[in-house]
Amino acid sequence: MTIEAILSSGILNYLVGFLIVASIYALFTLGLNVHFGETGLINFGVAGFFAIGAYTAALVTKPLPTGELARYTQQALGLDQPFLVGVIAAAVVCGIVAVLIGIPTLRLREDYLAIATIGIAESIRLVFNNEQWLANGSQGLVGIPRPLYDLVPPAYYNYIYLGIVVLILAFVAVLLERMIRSPWGRVLRAIREDEVVAAAYGKNVFGFKLQALVLGAMVMGIGGALYAHNAGTISPGVFEPVFGTFIVWVMLILGGSGNTKGVILGAFVFWAIWAGTQFATDALVPPALSARAPYFRFLLIETLLVLMLLFRPKGILGEERFVSTLRPR
């Protein structure tokens, strides 16, 4: 069998697509880990930063529609910029929005912060859904450019994009790991454990919380940008809480909150469960009950998650006890 035949095989293409999506979700879990795992911020608004990152990258890298297409597509921007500019813009815009959100909300208690963030995320989604002039409303945006697409044969493109996503994921993970193991990261851990004690030691608790919120939001924005360029089309329905927020929370807890390697592993393991149960239910559910196959699938997912958490209650890897780079392991 030739190399071309191997690379174009259906199983390998599916595996590459799986790795791309899992890597993008791993970026979301890294951002959420900065919020919750390191700082103790309960952010149920991941989908909001996901949406802002995706739409920002799309509007920055797409040209304005012309000709007949302009009758059906409305968008506020169309800057036709390179892929990397779109990714950076997504991170910057998410950081700015995080500042605007954090100033009035970060002084709330944990449960009120959770309610506020999920409400803000839904508000963001509804803005994109209802404001037709901004990003084509409920119909969404199509034709989002894919980086380097014209330079390689279409059959091999997913391998190139997987390399791009993995490189960005590795860079972000190493950067966050260095920051978490720095004095700045140890202050975040102190705030998570007892912010009153951290304030007593002279730390600006609100300032550090805001920095953590902005950093995690920027990472989520990068994930949103990569998702948009991978899918080629986005619409507000993609950013509903189940797929945009709560799946990311499951990945975080499953892998081990507070552990960079753990949350990445949790993203891959959960996405494997999510994708694998589709094949399992198709094979196990008899044709007479095919209409109920999705319910069996969710039952199987929940059972597997409960079993994993029973045996590993702190996550697959769990949190590292010491984070200082100066302390021997």
C-alpha atoms as a PDB file:
ATOM      1  CA  MET A   1       0.000   0.000   0.000  1.00  0.00           C
ATOM      2  CA  THR A   2       1.364   3.414  -0.992  1.00  0.00           C
ATOM      3  CA  ILE A   3       1.818   6.339   1.380  1.00  0.00           C
ATOM      4  CA  GLU A   4      -0.877   8.263  -0.490  1.00  0.00           C
ATOM      5  CA  ALA A   5      -3.357   5.429   0.036  1.00  0.00           C
ATOM      6  CA  ILE A   6      -2.534   5.248   3.748  1.00  0.00           C
ATOM      7  CA  LEU A   7      -2.917   8.991   4.265  1.00  0.00           C
ATOM      8  CA  SER A   8      -6.224   9.066   2.415  1.00  0.00           C
ATOM      9  CA  SER A   9      -7.740   6.092   4.260  1.00  0.00           C
ATOM     10  CA  GLY A  10     -11.031   6.745   6.020  1.00  0.00           C
ATOM     11  CA  ILE A  11      -9.931   5.462   9.434  1.00  0.00           C
ATOM     12  CA  LEU A  12      -6.791   7.601   9.485  1.00  0.00           C
ATOM     13  CA  ASN A  13      -8.704  10.679   8.335  1.00  0.00           C
ATOM     14  CA  TYR A  14     -11.247  10.127  11.104  1.00  0.00           C
ATOM     15  CA  LEU A  15      -8.448   9.780  13.663  1.00  0.00           C
ATOM     16  CA  VAL A  16      -6.835  13.026  12.480  1.00  0.00           C
ATOM     17  CA  GLY A  17     -10.176  14.843  12.693  1.00  0.00           C
ATOM     18  CA  PHE A  18     -10.664  13.420  16.189  1.00  0.00           C
ATOM     19  CA  LEU A  19      -7.236  14.671  17.294  1.00  0.00           C
ATOM     20  CA  ILE A  20      -7.898  18.149  15.898  1.00  0.00           C
ATOM     21  CA  VAL A  21     -11.167  18.579  17.809  1.00  0.00           C
ATOM     22  CA  ALA A  22      -9.735  17.045  20.993  1.00  0.00           C
ATOM     23  CA  SER A  23      -6.732  19.395  20.834  1.00  0.00           C
ATOM     24  CA  ILE A  24      -9.002  22.417  20.410  1.00  0.00           C
ATOM     25  CA  TYR A  25     -11.067  21.350  23.421  1.00  0.00           C
ATOM     26  CA  ALA A  26      -7.805  20.845  25.330  1.00  0.00           C
ATOM     27  CA  LEU A  27      -7.147  24.565  24.852  1.00  0.00           C
ATOM     28  CA  PHE A  28     -10.531  25.337  26.402  1.00  0.00           C
ATOM     29  CA  THR A  29      -9.704  23.124  29.379  1.00  0.00           C
ATOM     30  CA  LEU A  30      -6.349  24.862  29.815  1.00  0.00           C
ATOM     31  CA  GLY A  31      -8.112  28.215  29.949  1.00  0.00           C
ATOM     32  CA  LEU A  32     -10.700  26.913  32.402  1.00  0.00           C
ATOM     33  CA  ASN A  33      -7.924  25.385  34.493  1.00  0.00           C
ATOM     34  CA  VAL A  34      -6.415  28.858  34.948  1.00  0.00           C
ATOM     35  CA  HIS A  35      -9.818  30.078  36.131  1.00  0.00           C
ATOM     36  CA  PHE A  36     -10.971  27.232  38.349  1.00  0.00           C
ATOM     37  CA  GLY A  37      -8.073  24.839  38.844  1.00  0.00           C
ATOM     38  CA  GLU A  38      -5.547  27.511  39.790  1.00  0.00           C
ATOM     39  CA  THR A  39      -7.604  30.478  41.026  1.00  0.00           C
ATOM     40  CA  GLY A  40     -10.906  28.969  42.141  1.00  0.00           C
ATOM     41  CA  LEU A  41     -13.084  31.071  39.813  1.00  0.00           C
ATOM     42  CA  ILE A  42     -16.267  29.228  38.882  1.00  0.00           C
ATOM     43  CA  ASN A  43     -16.701  30.279  35.257  1.00  0.00           C
ATOM     44  CA  PHE A  44     -19.773  28.788  33.598  1.00  0.00           C
ATOM     45  CA  GLY A  45     -19.358  31.127  30.646  1.00  0.00           C
ATOM     46  CA  VAL A  46     -16.751  29.254  28.612  1.00  0.00           C
ATOM     47  CA  ALA A  47     -19.118  29.239  25.625  1.00  0.00           C
ATOM     48  CA  GLY A  48     -19.105  33.042  25.584  1.00  0.00           C
ATOM     49  CA  PHE A  49     -15.337  33.286  25.112  1.00  0.00           C
ATOM     50  CA  PHE A  50     -15.534  30.354  22.677  1.00  0.00           C
ATOM     51  CA  ALA A  51     -18.034  32.322  20.564  1.00  0.00           C
ATOM     52  CA  ILE A  52     -16.124  35.608  20.742  1.00  0.00           C
ATOM     53  CA  GLY A  53     -12.887  33.933  19.692  1.00  0.00           C
ATOM     54  CA  ALA A  54     -14.508  32.084  16.801  1.00  0.00           C
ATOM     55  CA  TYR A  55     -16.443  35.066  15.459  1.00  0.00           C
ATOM     56  CA  THR A  56     -13.519  37.466  15.870  1.00  0.00           C
ATOM     57  CA  ALA A  57     -11.171  35.196  13.924  1.00  0.00           C
ATOM     58  CA  ALA A  58     -13.802  34.695  11.221  1.00  0.00           C
ATOM     59  CA  LEU A  59     -14.551  38.421  10.831  1.00  0.00           C
ATOM     60  CA  VAL A  60     -10.861  39.360  10.786  1.00  0.00           C
ATOM     61  CA  THR A  61      -9.782  36.732   8.235  1.00  0.00           C
ATOM     62  CA  LYS A  62     -12.845  36.696   5.929  1.00  0.00           C
ATOM     63  CA  PRO A  63     -13.247  39.314   3.205  1.00  0.00           C
ATOM     64  CA  LEU A  64     -16.471  41.290   2.970  1.00  0.00           C
ATOM     65  CA  PRO A  65     -19.058  39.491   0.820  1.00  0.00           C
ATOM     66  CA  THR A  66     -19.485  40.837  -2.700  1.00  0.00           C
ATOM     67  CA  GLY A  67     -21.819  40.282  -5.616  1.00  0.00           C
ATOM     68  CA  GLU A  68     -24.731  37.908  -5.194  1.00  0.00           C
ATOM     69  CA  LEU A  69     -23.322  36.602  -1.905  1.00  0.00           C
ATOM     70  CA  ALA A  70     -23.699  40.053  -0.352  1.00  0.00           C
ATOM     71  CA  ARG A  71     -27.482  39.714  -0.582  1.00  0.00           C
ATOM     72  CA  TYR A  72     -27.456  36.763   1.811  1.00  0.00           C
ATOM     73  CA  THR A  73     -24.483  37.439   4.083  1.00  0.00           C
ATOM     74  CA  GLN A  74     -24.107  40.395   6.420  1.00  0.00           C
ATOM     75  CA  GLN A  75     -21.045  40.980   8.583  1.00  0.00           C
ATOM     76  CA  ALA A  76     -19.727  44.014  10.390  1.00  0.00           C
ATOM     77  CA  LEU A  77     -16.102  43.382   9.407  1.00  0.00           C
ATOM     78  CA  GLY A  78     -14.254  41.653   6.622  1.00  0.00           C
ATOM     79  CA  LEU A  79     -10.577  42.509   6.976  1.00  0.00           C
ATOM     80  CA  ASP A  80      -9.194  39.589   4.917  1.00  0.00           C
ATOM     81  CA  GLN A  81      -6.162  39.211   7.198  1.00  0.00           C
ATOM     82  CA  PRO A  82      -3.866  36.181   7.584  1.00  0.00           C
ATOM     83  CA  PHE A  83      -4.697  33.294   9.899  1.00  0.00           C
ATOM     84  CA  LEU A  84      -2.194  34.271  12.603  1.00  0.00           C
ATOM     85  CA  VAL A  85      -3.628  37.800  12.769  1.00  0.00           C
ATOM     86  CA  GLY A  86      -7.093  36.305  13.300  1.00  0.00           C
ATOM     87  CA  VAL A  87      -5.861  34.085  16.140  1.00  0.00           C
ATOM     88  CA  ILE A  88      -4.111  36.991  17.877  1.00  0.00           C
ATOM     89  CA  ALA A  89      -7.170  39.206  17.408  1.00  0.00           C
ATOM     90  CA  ALA A  90      -9.381  36.503  18.943  1.00  0.00           C
ATOM     91  CA  ALA A  91      -7.139  36.327  22.010  1.00  0.00           C
ATOM     92  CA  VAL A  92      -6.981  40.125  22.391  1.00  0.00           C
ATOM     93  CA  VAL A  93     -10.721  40.674  22.023  1.00  0.00           C
ATOM     94  CA  CYS A  94     -11.465  37.891  24.521  1.00  0.00           C
ATOM     95  CA  GLY A  95      -9.012  39.497  26.953  1.00  0.00           C
ATOM     96  CA  ILE A  96     -10.723  42.882  26.616  1.00  0.00           C
ATOM     97  CA  VAL A  97     -14.163  41.336  27.118  1.00  0.00           C
ATOM     98  CA  ALA A  98     -12.835  39.463  30.168  1.00  0.00           C
ATOM     99  CA  VAL A  99     -11.752  42.768  31.705  1.00  0.00           C
ATOM    100  CA  LEU A 100     -15.200  44.250  31.092  1.00  0.00           C
ATOM    101  CA  ILE A 101     -16.843  41.174  32.617  1.00  0.00           C
ATOM    102  CA  GLY A 102     -14.420  40.790  35.504  1.00  0.00           C
ATOM    103  CA  ILE A 103     -14.591  44.323  36.883  1.00  0.00           C
ATOM    104  CA  PRO A 104     -18.258  44.052  37.978  1.00  0.00           C
ATOM    105  CA  THR A 105     -18.396  40.286  38.688  1.00  0.00           C
ATOM    106  CA  LEU A 106     -15.184  39.123  40.365  1.00  0.00           C
ATOM    107  CA  ARG A 107     -16.226  40.472  43.746  1.00  0.00           C
ATOM    108  CA  LEU A 108     -19.245  38.137  43.732  1.00  0.00           C
ATOM    109  CA  ARG A 109     -19.284  34.925  45.761  1.00  0.00           C
ATOM    110  CA  GLU A 110     -18.645  31.644  43.963  1.00  0.00           C
ATOM    111  CA  ASP A 111     -22.261  30.685  43.302  1.00  0.00           C
ATOM    112  CA  TYR A 112     -23.258  34.183  42.178  1.00  0.00           C
ATOM    113  CA  LEU A 113     -20.207  34.334  39.914  1.00  0.00           C
ATOM    114  CA  ALA A 114     -21.281  31.072  38.285  1.00  0.00           C
ATOM    115  CA  ILE A 115     -24.784  32.416  37.660  1.00  0.00           C
ATOM    116  CA  ALA A 116     -23.432  35.679  36.283  1.00  0.00           C
ATOM    117  CA  THR A 117     -20.990  34.035  33.873  1.00  0.00           C
ATOM    118  CA  ILE A 118     -23.505  31.601  32.405  1.00  0.00           C
ATOM    119  CA  GLY A 119     -25.932  34.494  31.914  1.00  0.00           C
ATOM    120  CA  ILE A 120     -23.273  36.599  30.199  1.00  0.00           C
ATOM    121  CA  ALA A 121     -22.322  33.705  27.901  1.00  0.00           C
ATOM    122  CA  GLU A 122     -25.953  33.199  26.859  1.00  0.00           C
ATOM    123  CA  SER A 123     -26.284  36.951  26.277  1.00  0.00           C
ATOM    124  CA  ILE A 124     -23.251  36.870  23.977  1.00  0.00           C
ATOM    125  CA  ARG A 125     -24.714  33.966  22.020  1.00  0.00           C
ATOM    126  CA  LEU A 126     -28.069  35.724  21.668  1.00  0.00           C
ATOM    127  CA  VAL A 127     -26.375  38.905  20.436  1.00  0.00           C
ATOM    128  CA  PHE A 128     -24.710  36.964  17.634  1.00  0.00           C
ATOM    129  CA  ASN A 129     -27.993  35.169  16.961  1.00  0.00           C
ATOM    130  CA  ASN A 130     -30.222  38.257  16.772  1.00  0.00           C
ATOM    131  CA  GLU A 131     -27.975  41.023  15.443  1.00  0.00           C
ATOM    132  CA  GLN A 132     -28.034  40.240  11.718  1.00  0.00           C
ATOM    133  CA  TRP A 133     -25.634  43.062  10.813  1.00  0.00           C
ATOM    134  CA  LEU A 134     -22.884  41.778  13.087  1.00  0.00           C
ATOM    135  CA  ALA A 135     -22.229  38.244  11.835  1.00  0.00           C
ATOM    136  CA  ASN A 136     -25.214  37.184   9.701  1.00  0.00           C
ATOM    137  CA  GLY A 137     -27.442  36.335  12.669  1.00  0.00           C
ATOM    138  CA  SER A 138     -28.739  32.802  13.075  1.00  0.00           C
ATOM    139  CA  GLN A 139     -27.461  31.766   9.631  1.00  0.00           C
ATOM    140  CA  GLY A 140     -23.878  32.274  10.746  1.00  0.00           C
ATOM    141  CA  LEU A 141     -20.763  32.702   8.652  1.00  0.00           C
ATOM    142  CA  VAL A 142     -19.507  30.360   5.949  1.00  0.00           C
ATOM    143  CA  GLY A 143     -16.338  30.238   3.889  1.00  0.00           C
ATOM    144  CA  ILE A 144     -13.980  30.924   6.788  1.00  0.00           C
ATOM    145  CA  PRO A 145     -10.496  30.600   5.248  1.00  0.00           C
ATOM    146  CA  ARG A 146      -8.274  27.682   6.224  1.00  0.00           C
ATOM    147  CA  PRO A 147      -4.547  28.389   6.677  1.00  0.00           C
ATOM    148  CA  LEU A 148      -2.188  26.957   4.023  1.00  0.00           C
ATOM    149  CA  TYR A 149      -5.130  25.281   2.291  1.00  0.00           C
ATOM    150  CA  ASP A 150      -3.983  26.280  -1.203  1.00  0.00           C
ATOM    151  CA  LEU A 151      -0.464  24.932  -0.655  1.00  0.00           C
ATOM    152  CA  VAL A 152      -1.257  21.240  -0.118  1.00  0.00           C
ATOM    153  CA  PRO A 153      -3.597  18.707  -1.750  1.00  0.00           C
ATOM    154  CA  PRO A 154      -7.043  18.795  -0.076  1.00  0.00           C
ATOM    155  CA  ALA A 155      -6.799  15.115   0.884  1.00  0.00           C
ATOM    156  CA  TYR A 156      -3.755  15.848   3.046  1.00  0.00           C
ATOM    157  CA  TYR A 157      -4.822  19.184   4.495  1.00  0.00           C
ATOM    158  CA  ASN A 158      -6.088  17.834   7.830  1.00  0.00           C
ATOM    159  CA  TYR A 159      -2.590  16.574   8.624  1.00  0.00           C
ATOM    160  CA  ILE A 160      -1.202  20.097   8.157  1.00  0.00           C
ATOM    161  CA  TYR A 161      -3.916  21.643  10.285  1.00  0.00           C
ATOM    162  CA  LEU A 162      -3.397  19.026  12.997  1.00  0.00           C
ATOM    163  CA  GLY A 163       0.262  20.052  13.116  1.00  0.00           C
ATOM    164  CA  ILE A 164      -0.734  23.729  13.475  1.00  0.00           C
ATOM    165  CA  VAL A 165      -3.191  22.986  16.283  1.00  0.00           C
ATOM    166  CA  VAL A 166      -0.770  20.723  18.163  1.00  0.00           C
ATOM    167  CA  LEU A 167       2.021  23.313  17.939  1.00  0.00           C
ATOM    168  CA  ILE A 168      -0.256  26.024  19.341  1.00  0.00           C
ATOM    169  CA  LEU A 169      -1.512  23.669  22.067  1.00  0.00           C
ATOM    170  CA  ALA A 170       2.052  22.737  23.059  1.00  0.00           C
ATOM    171  CA  PHE A 171       3.155  26.389  23.123  1.00  0.00           C
ATOM    172  CA  VAL A 172       0.187  27.447  25.279  1.00  0.00           C
ATOM    173  CA  ALA A 173       0.601  24.468  27.638  1.00  0.00           C
ATOM    174  CA  VAL A 174       4.316  25.120  28.192  1.00  0.00           C
ATOM    175  CA  LEU A 175       3.717  28.842  28.698  1.00  0.00           C
ATOM    176  CA  LEU A 176       0.929  28.251  31.230  1.00  0.00           C
ATOM    177  CA  GLU A 177       2.985  25.630  33.050  1.00  0.00           C
ATOM    178  CA  ARG A 178       5.848  28.099  33.439  1.00  0.00           C
ATOM    179  CA  MET A 179       3.482  30.793  34.687  1.00  0.00           C
ATOM    180  CA  ILE A 180       1.723  28.472  37.138  1.00  0.00           C
ATOM    181  CA  ARG A 181       5.073  27.404  38.628  1.00  0.00           C
ATOM    182  CA  SER A 182       6.188  31.013  39.007  1.00  0.00           C
ATOM    183  CA  PRO A 183       5.535  33.209  42.077  1.00  0.00           C
ATOM    184  CA  TRP A 184       2.536  34.623  40.201  1.00  0.00           C
ATOM    185  CA  GLY A 185       1.046  31.144  39.880  1.00  0.00           C
ATOM    186  CA  ARG A 186       1.626  30.388  43.533  1.00  0.00           C
ATOM    187  CA  VAL A 187      -0.327  33.527  44.462  1.00  0.00           C
ATOM    188  CA  LEU A 188      -3.230  32.187  42.408  1.00  0.00           C
ATOM    189  CA  ARG A 189      -3.101  28.934  44.385  1.00  0.00           C
ATOM    190  CA  ALA A 190      -3.061  30.913  47.641  1.00  0.00           C
ATOM    191  CA  ILE A 191      -6.134  32.878  46.555  1.00  0.00           C
ATOM    192  CA  ARG A 192      -7.900  29.655  45.626  1.00  0.00           C
ATOM    193  CA  GLU A 193      -7.208  28.117  49.028  1.00  0.00           C
ATOM    194  CA  ASP A 194      -7.983  31.183  51.171  1.00  0.00           C
ATOM    195  CA  GLU A 195      -8.179  34.650  49.671  1.00  0.00           C
ATOM    196  CA  VAL A 196      -8.447  36.268  53.107  1.00  0.00           C
ATOM    197  CA  VAL A 197      -5.019  34.907  54.044  1.00  0.00           C
ATOM    198  CA  ALA A 198      -3.625  35.959  50.650  1.00  0.00           C
ATOM    199  CA  ALA A 199      -4.939  39.494  51.208  1.00  0.00           C
ATOM    200  CA  ALA A 200      -3.438  39.512  54.700  1.00  0.00           C
ATOM    201  CA  TYR A 201      -0.036  38.869  53.107  1.00  0.00           C
ATOM    202  CA  GLY A 202      -0.479  42.017  51.020  1.00  0.00           C
ATOM    203  CA  LYS A 203      -1.629  40.438  47.755  1.00  0.00           C
ATOM    204  CA  ASN A 204      -4.102  42.313  45.573  1.00  0.00           C
ATOM    205  CA  VAL A 205      -6.687  39.528  45.390  1.00  0.00           C
ATOM    206  CA  PHE A 206      -8.987  41.292  42.928  1.00  0.00           C
ATOM    207  CA  GLY A 207      -6.083  42.190  40.648  1.00  0.00           C
ATOM    208  CA  PHE A 208      -4.777  38.633  40.532  1.00  0.00           C
ATOM    209  CA  LYS A 209      -8.285  37.267  39.907  1.00  0.00           C
ATOM    210  CA  LEU A 210      -8.713  39.678  37.017  1.00  0.00           C
ATOM    211  CA  GLN A 211      -5.353  38.684  35.558  1.00  0.00           C
ATOM    212  CA  ALA A 212      -6.291  35.000  35.759  1.00  0.00           C
ATOM    213  CA  LEU A 213      -9.680  35.660  34.163  1.00  0.00           C
ATOM    214  CA  VAL A 214      -8.086  37.565  31.287  1.00  0.00           C
ATOM    215  CA  LEU A 215      -5.360  34.958  30.705  1.00  0.00           C
ATOM    216  CA  GLY A 216      -7.806  32.036  30.683  1.00  0.00           C
ATOM    217  CA  ALA A 217     -10.206  33.938  28.409  1.00  0.00           C
ATOM    218  CA  MET A 218      -7.416  34.626  25.914  1.00  0.00           C
ATOM    219  CA  VAL A 219      -6.573  30.915  25.778  1.00  0.00           C
ATOM    220  CA  MET A 220     -10.258  30.111  25.191  1.00  0.00           C
ATOM    221  CA  GLY A 221     -10.322  32.728  22.430  1.00  0.00           C
ATOM    222  CA  ILE A 222      -7.424  30.991  20.699  1.00  0.00           C
ATOM    223  CA  GLY A 223      -9.368  27.726  20.908  1.00  0.00           C
ATOM    224  CA  GLY A 224     -12.416  29.415  19.394  1.00  0.00           C
ATOM    225  CA  ALA A 225     -10.334  30.774  16.514  1.00  0.00           C
ATOM    226  CA  LEU A 226      -8.879  27.338  15.759  1.00  0.00           C
ATOM    227  CA  TYR A 227     -12.359  25.820  15.852  1.00  0.00           C
ATOM    228  CA  ALA A 228     -13.693  28.380  13.351  1.00  0.00           C
ATOM    229  CA  HIS A 229     -10.862  27.806  10.885  1.00  0.00           C
ATOM    230  CA  ASN A 230     -11.235  24.048  11.209  1.00  0.00           C
ATOM    231  CA  ALA A 231     -15.017  23.987  10.728  1.00  0.00           C
ATOM    232  CA  GLY A 232     -15.086  26.613   7.969  1.00  0.00           C
ATOM    233  CA  THR A 233     -18.535  27.688   9.132  1.00  0.00           C
ATOM    234  CA  ILE A 234     -19.959  28.835  12.472  1.00  0.00           C
ATOM    235  CA  SER A 235     -23.414  29.696  13.777  1.00  0.00           C
ATOM    236  CA  PRO A 236     -24.788  30.620  17.211  1.00  0.00           C
ATOM    237  CA  GLY A 237     -26.123  27.099  17.752  1.00  0.00           C
ATOM    238  CA  VAL A 238     -22.559  25.818  18.141  1.00  0.00           C
ATOM    239  CA  PHE A 239     -22.062  27.839  21.325  1.00  0.00           C
ATOM    240  CA  GLU A 240     -24.855  26.473  23.482  1.00  0.00           C
ATOM    241  CA  PRO A 241     -23.923  25.699  27.117  1.00  0.00           C
ATOM    242  CA  VAL A 242     -23.798  21.899  26.736  1.00  0.00           C
ATOM    243  CA  PHE A 243     -21.149  21.848  24.017  1.00  0.00           C
ATOM    244  CA  GLY A 244     -19.481  25.160  24.781  1.00  0.00           C
ATOM    245  CA  THR A 245     -19.237  25.038  28.567  1.00  0.00           C
ATOM    246  CA  PHE A 246     -20.252  21.893  30.400  1.00  0.00           C
ATOM    247  CA  ILE A 247     -18.311  19.439  28.227  1.00  0.00           C
ATOM    248  CA  VAL A 248     -15.210  21.517  29.006  1.00  0.00           C
ATOM    249  CA  TRP A 249     -15.978  21.275  32.726  1.00  0.00           C
ATOM    250  CA  VAL A 250     -16.298  17.491  32.479  1.00  0.00           C
ATOM    251  CA  MET A 251     -12.923  17.307  30.731  1.00  0.00           C
ATOM    252  CA  LEU A 252     -11.328  19.459  33.429  1.00  0.00           C
ATOM    253  CA  ILE A 253     -12.636  17.388  36.344  1.00  0.00           C
ATOM    254  CA  LEU A 254     -11.999  14.088  34.580  1.00  0.00           C
ATOM    255  CA  GLY A 255      -8.338  14.839  33.866  1.00  0.00           C
ATOM    256  CA  GLY A 256      -7.541  16.476  37.186  1.00  0.00           C
ATOM    257  CA  SER A 257      -8.249  20.106  38.009  1.00  0.00           C
ATOM    258  CA  GLY A 258      -5.075  22.051  38.755  1.00  0.00           C
ATOM    259  CA  ASN A 259      -2.844  19.808  36.648  1.00  0.00           C
ATOM    260  CA  THR A 260      -1.850  21.060  33.191  1.00  0.00           C
ATOM    261  CA  LYS A 261      -1.054  17.628  31.809  1.00  0.00           C
ATOM    262  CA  GLY A 262      -4.132  16.184  33.481  1.00  0.00           C
ATOM    263  CA  VAL A 263      -6.618  18.584  31.902  1.00  0.00           C
ATOM    264  CA  ILE A 264      -5.145  17.964  28.447  1.00  0.00           C
ATOM    265  CA  LEU A 265      -5.421  14.225  29.020  1.00  0.00           C
ATOM    266  CA  GLY A 266      -8.977  14.694  30.292  1.00  0.00           C
ATOM    267  CA  ALA A 267      -9.933  16.467  27.054  1.00  0.00           C
ATOM    268  CA  PHE A 268      -8.629  13.597  24.924  1.00  0.00           C
ATOM    269  CA  VAL A 269     -10.117  10.871  27.117  1.00  0.00           C
ATOM    270  CA  PHE A 270     -13.567  12.443  27.274  1.00  0.00           C
ATOM    271  CA  TRP A 271     -13.638  13.174  23.553  1.00  0.00           C
ATOM    272  CA  ALA A 272     -12.682   9.531  22.956  1.00  0.00           C
ATOM    273  CA  ILE A 273     -15.619   8.490  25.158  1.00  0.00           C
ATOM    274  CA  TRP A 274     -17.917  10.947  23.377  1.00  0.00           C
ATOM    275  CA  ALA A 275     -16.933   9.688  19.918  1.00  0.00           C
ATOM    276  CA  GLY A 276     -16.558   6.019  20.834  1.00  0.00           C
ATOM    277  CA  THR A 277     -20.006   5.686  22.378  1.00  0.00           C
ATOM    278  CA  GLN A 278     -21.511   6.707  19.039  1.00  0.00           C
ATOM    279  CA  PHE A 279     -20.058   3.581  17.431  1.00  0.00           C
ATOM    280  CA  ALA A 280     -20.904   1.462  20.475  1.00  0.00           C
ATOM    281  CA  THR A 281     -24.588   2.387  20.464  1.00  0.00           C
ATOM    282  CA  ASP A 282     -24.845   1.948  16.700  1.00  0.00           C
ATOM    283  CA  ALA A 283     -23.476  -1.577  17.106  1.00  0.00           C
ATOM    284  CA  LEU A 284     -25.322  -2.618  20.262  1.00  0.00           C
ATOM    285  CA  VAL A 285     -28.771  -1.037  19.962  1.00  0.00           C
ATOM    286  CA  PRO A 286     -31.144  -3.204  17.889  1.00  0.00           C
ATOM    287  CA  PRO A 287     -32.846  -1.595  14.862  1.00  0.00           C
ATOM    288  CA  ALA A 288     -36.231  -1.680  16.616  1.00  0.00           C
ATOM    289  CA  LEU A 289     -34.861   0.722  19.255  1.00  0.00           C
ATOM    290  CA  SER A 290     -32.795   2.919  16.929  1.00  0.00           C
ATOM    291  CA  ALA A 291     -34.918   5.969  17.759  1.00  0.00           C
ATOM    292  CA  ARG A 292     -33.772   5.653  21.371  1.00  0.00           C
ATOM    293  CA  ALA A 293     -30.089   5.163  20.538  1.00  0.00           C
ATOM    294  CA  PRO A 294     -29.108   8.717  21.634  1.00  0.00           C
ATOM    295  CA  TYR A 295     -30.560   8.060  25.102  1.00  0.00           C
ATOM    296  CA  PHE A 296     -28.610   4.806  25.421  1.00  0.00           C
ATOM    297  CA  ARG A 297     -25.519   6.691  24.314  1.00  0.00           C
ATOM    298  CA  PHE A 298     -25.863   9.360  27.020  1.00  0.00           C
ATOM    299  CA  LEU A 299     -26.528   6.645  29.588  1.00  0.00           C
ATOM    300  CA  LEU A 300     -23.338   4.870  28.519  1.00  0.00           C
ATOM    301  CA  ILE A 301     -21.321   8.122  28.698  1.00  0.00           C
ATOM    302  CA  GLU A 302     -22.633   8.882  32.186  1.00  0.00           C
ATOM    303  CA  THR A 303     -21.912   5.347  33.389  1.00  0.00           C
ATOM    304  CA  LEU A 304     -18.326   5.455  32.130  1.00  0.00           C
ATOM    305  CA  LEU A 305     -17.731   8.868  33.703  1.00  0.00           C
ATOM    306  CA  VAL A 306     -19.154   7.802  37.053  1.00  0.00           C
ATOM    307  CA  LEU A 307     -16.982   4.679  37.082  1.00  0.00           C
ATOM    308  CA  MET A 308     -13.851   6.655  36.235  1.00  0.00           C
ATOM    309  CA  LEU A 309     -14.528   9.225  38.942  1.00  0.00           C
ATOM    310  CA  LEU A 310     -15.294   6.522  41.497  1.00  0.00           C
ATOM    311  CA  PHE A 311     -11.871   5.000  40.932  1.00  0.00           C
ATOM    312  CA  ARG A 312     -10.099   8.342  40.393  1.00  0.00           C
ATOM    313  CA  PRO A 313     -12.070  10.926  42.414  1.00  0.00           C
ATOM    314  CA  LYS A 314      -9.369  13.592  41.962  1.00  0.00           C
ATOM    315  CA  GLY A 315      -9.146  13.006  38.240  1.00  0.00           C
ATOM    316  CA  ILE A 316      -6.982  10.745  36.126  1.00  0.00           C
ATOM    317  CA  LEU A 317      -3.754  12.491  37.141  1.00  0.00           C
ATOM    318  CA  GLY A 318      -4.974  14.664  39.993  1.00  0.00           C
ATOM    319  CA  GLU A 319      -3.497  17.902  41.222  1.00  0.00           C
ATOM    320  CA  GLU A 320       0.205  18.183  41.927  1.00  0.00           C
ATOM    321  CA  ARG A 321       0.878  18.979  45.555  1.00  0.00           C
ATOM    322  CA  PHE A 322       3.866  21.205  44.885  1.00  0.00           C
ATOM    323  CA  VAL A 323       4.067  23.688  42.022  1.00  0.00           C
ATOM    324  CA  SER A 324       7.301  25.520  42.794  1.00  0.00           C
ATOM    325  CA  THR A 325      10.078  25.094  40.258  1.00  0.00           C
ATOM    326  CA  LEU A 326      12.573  25.369  43.140  1.00  0.00           C
ATOM    327  CA  ARG A 327      11.310  22.409  45.142  1.00  0.00           C
ATOM    328  CA  PRO A 328      12.750  18.977  44.221  1.00  0.00           C
ATOM    329  CA  ARG A 329      10.182  16.389  43.190  1.00  0.00           C
END
